[in-house]
Amino acid sequence: MPRRAAASIRPVEPDAIHRSRLVQQVINKVMLDGKKSTAERIVYDALAILSERTGRDPIEALETSLKALTPSLEVRSRRVGGATYQVPVEVPPRRARTLAVRWLVLFARQRREKTMAQRLANELLDAQSQQGGAYKRKDDIYRMAQANKAFAHYRW
């Protein structure tokens, strides 16, 4: 039993231009060392590239990409009688969205394009076409959950 109260969930304020909480969440994840204006420029440039290439509304394209990256199942370690099992569990919507944004930024950073905005835009485009590092991570986690279905009765 924890001694302290549960951590409160701080609400994410919508971003200034698109009035979207999702865009603000991506900006916060891209941000390094508290440089929010730099992160905003990167994300807005990436959204501009994305809308130019898809010919759609940038927020709509971002939501489509993140929907493709959102996991439905994941595995959690569960210790039962000296053995540790990987138990598949459903991912709550809030955690699923957070994981999708985290993977998007992580794999965008590892790409080889010249600017971070191009990397982010290309990772979003790859997610829409079910390719790229972030989509592969989601797929790997889903496959691991499917492989460990036999331990689903250990769910808590």
Protein backbone atom coordinates (compact mmCIF):
# COMPACT_ATOMS: atom_id res chain seq x y z
CA MET A 1 0.00 0.00 0.00
CA PRO A 2 1.58 3.33 -0.98
CA ARG A 3 2.09 5.82 1.80
CA ARG A 4 1.48 8.82 -0.41
CA ALA A 5 -1.59 9.76 -2.39
CA ALA A 6 -1.79 8.64 -6.01
CA ALA A 7 -0.14 11.02 -8.45
CA SER A 8 -2.68 13.40 -9.92
CA ILE A 9 -3.06 13.58 -13.69
CA ARG A 10 -2.18 17.04 -14.92
CA PRO A 11 -4.32 18.18 -17.82
CA VAL A 12 -2.53 18.96 -21.09
CA GLU A 13 -3.48 22.40 -22.40
CA PRO A 14 -4.29 22.60 -26.14
CA ASP A 15 -1.60 24.09 -28.38
CA ALA A 16 -1.76 27.70 -29.60
CA ILE A 17 -2.24 27.20 -33.35
CA HIS A 18 -4.36 24.08 -33.86
CA ARG A 19 -6.10 24.04 -30.45
CA SER A 20 -5.33 20.33 -30.14
CA ARG A 21 -4.25 18.48 -27.01
CA LEU A 22 -2.66 15.80 -29.17
CA VAL A 23 -0.37 18.31 -30.91
CA GLN A 24 0.60 19.70 -27.49
CA GLN A 25 1.42 16.20 -26.28
CA VAL A 26 3.69 15.63 -29.29
CA ILE A 27 5.34 19.04 -28.72
CA ASN A 28 6.00 18.16 -25.07
CA LYS A 29 7.54 14.84 -26.09
CA VAL A 30 9.77 16.41 -28.75
CA MET A 31 10.94 19.12 -26.32
CA LEU A 32 14.46 18.76 -24.92
CA ASP A 33 15.93 20.80 -22.04
CA GLY A 34 12.77 22.94 -21.70
CA LYS A 35 13.14 24.48 -25.18
CA LYS A 36 9.46 24.58 -25.99
CA SER A 37 9.62 27.16 -28.78
CA THR A 38 12.12 24.98 -30.65
CA ALA A 39 9.91 21.91 -30.15
CA GLU A 40 6.87 23.86 -31.38
CA ARG A 41 8.73 24.92 -34.53
CA ILE A 42 9.77 21.32 -35.22
CA VAL A 43 6.26 19.91 -34.77
CA TYR A 44 4.52 22.66 -36.76
CA ASP A 45 7.04 22.26 -39.60
CA ALA A 46 6.49 18.49 -39.54
CA LEU A 47 2.71 19.01 -39.68
CA ALA A 48 3.14 21.38 -42.63
CA ILE A 49 5.24 18.78 -44.48
CA LEU A 50 2.68 16.10 -43.62
CA SER A 51 -0.30 18.11 -44.89
CA GLU A 52 1.62 19.05 -48.05
CA ARG A 53 2.39 15.41 -48.84
CA THR A 54 -0.99 13.92 -47.93
CA GLY A 55 -3.15 16.83 -49.13
CA ARG A 56 -5.25 16.54 -45.96
CA ASP A 57 -5.75 18.55 -42.78
CA PRO A 58 -2.57 18.16 -40.68
CA ILE A 59 -4.43 17.30 -37.46
CA GLU A 60 -6.48 14.67 -39.27
CA ALA A 61 -3.30 13.16 -40.75
CA LEU A 62 -1.61 13.20 -37.31
CA GLU A 63 -4.59 11.42 -35.73
CA THR A 64 -4.60 8.80 -38.50
CA SER A 65 -0.88 8.16 -37.99
CA LEU A 66 -1.18 7.90 -34.22
CA LYS A 67 -4.20 5.61 -34.51
CA ALA A 68 -2.00 3.25 -36.56
CA LEU A 69 0.65 3.36 -33.80
CA THR A 70 -1.70 2.90 -30.84
CA PRO A 71 -1.24 -0.53 -29.21
CA SER A 72 -4.22 -2.62 -28.09
CA LEU A 73 -2.33 -5.29 -26.13
CA GLU A 74 0.94 -5.35 -24.23
CA VAL A 75 2.70 -7.77 -21.91
CA ARG A 76 3.32 -7.23 -18.22
CA SER A 77 5.68 -9.29 -16.09
CA ARG A 78 3.89 -11.27 -13.38
CA ARG A 79 5.74 -13.33 -10.81
CA VAL A 80 3.98 -16.53 -9.79
CA GLY A 81 5.68 -19.06 -7.52
CA GLY A 82 9.27 -18.27 -8.47
CA ALA A 83 8.59 -18.05 -12.22
CA THR A 84 8.08 -14.81 -14.13
CA TYR A 85 5.42 -14.87 -16.84
CA GLN A 86 4.79 -12.34 -19.58
CA VAL A 87 1.05 -11.82 -19.17
CA PRO A 88 -0.87 -10.12 -22.02
CA VAL A 89 -3.11 -7.27 -20.86
CA GLU A 90 -5.21 -4.69 -22.66
CA VAL A 91 -3.70 -1.21 -22.77
CA PRO A 92 -5.80 1.58 -21.24
CA PRO A 93 -6.56 4.35 -23.79
CA ARG A 94 -4.49 7.02 -22.02
CA ARG A 95 -1.40 4.79 -21.80
CA ALA A 96 -1.92 3.61 -25.39
CA ARG A 97 -1.88 7.21 -26.68
CA THR A 98 1.17 8.02 -24.56
CA LEU A 99 3.05 4.97 -25.87
CA ALA A 100 2.17 5.87 -29.47
CA VAL A 101 3.53 9.42 -29.07
CA ARG A 102 6.63 8.14 -27.24
CA TRP A 103 7.45 5.60 -29.97
CA LEU A 104 6.78 8.14 -32.71
CA VAL A 105 9.32 10.63 -31.31
CA LEU A 106 11.84 7.93 -30.34
CA PHE A 107 11.98 6.39 -33.80
CA ALA A 108 11.81 9.79 -35.53
CA ARG A 109 14.99 10.75 -33.65
CA GLN A 110 16.77 7.64 -34.94
CA ARG A 111 16.03 8.36 -38.61
CA ARG A 112 18.63 9.71 -41.03
CA GLU A 113 16.84 12.72 -42.56
CA LYS A 114 18.48 16.12 -42.26
CA THR A 115 16.10 17.96 -39.89
CA MET A 116 13.98 16.71 -37.01
CA ALA A 117 10.85 18.09 -38.71
CA GLN A 118 11.53 15.93 -41.79
CA ARG A 119 12.23 12.90 -39.60
CA LEU A 120 8.97 13.37 -37.69
CA ALA A 121 6.94 13.93 -40.86
CA ASN A 122 8.41 10.86 -42.54
CA GLU A 123 7.80 8.71 -39.46
CA LEU A 124 4.17 9.88 -39.45
CA LEU A 125 3.85 9.05 -43.16
CA ASP A 126 5.42 5.62 -42.57
CA ALA A 127 2.95 4.98 -39.74
CA GLN A 128 0.05 5.69 -42.08
CA SER A 129 1.37 3.12 -44.54
CA GLN A 130 2.07 0.65 -41.68
CA GLN A 131 5.85 0.86 -41.94
CA GLY A 132 8.65 2.45 -39.95
CA GLY A 133 10.25 1.80 -36.59
CA ALA A 134 7.34 2.92 -34.42
CA TYR A 135 4.86 0.69 -36.26
CA LYS A 136 7.31 -2.23 -36.03
CA ARG A 137 7.54 -1.71 -32.24
CA LYS A 138 3.73 -1.79 -31.94
CA ASP A 139 3.57 -4.93 -34.09
CA ASP A 140 6.33 -6.67 -32.08
CA ILE A 141 4.55 -5.98 -28.79
CA TYR A 142 1.25 -7.24 -30.22
CA ARG A 143 2.94 -10.44 -31.47
CA MET A 144 4.55 -10.99 -28.07
CA ALA A 145 1.14 -10.63 -26.40
CA GLN A 146 -0.37 -13.13 -28.87
CA ALA A 147 2.47 -15.60 -28.24
CA ASN A 148 1.88 -15.43 -24.47
CA LYS A 149 -1.91 -15.84 -24.60
CA ALA A 150 -1.54 -19.08 -22.63
CA PHE A 151 -0.64 -17.02 -19.54
CA ALA A 152 -3.67 -14.74 -19.81
CA HIS A 153 -5.28 -16.45 -16.79
CA TYR A 154 -2.57 -14.88 -14.59
CA ARG A 155 -4.05 -11.44 -15.25
CA TRP A 156 -4.74 -9.44 -12.12
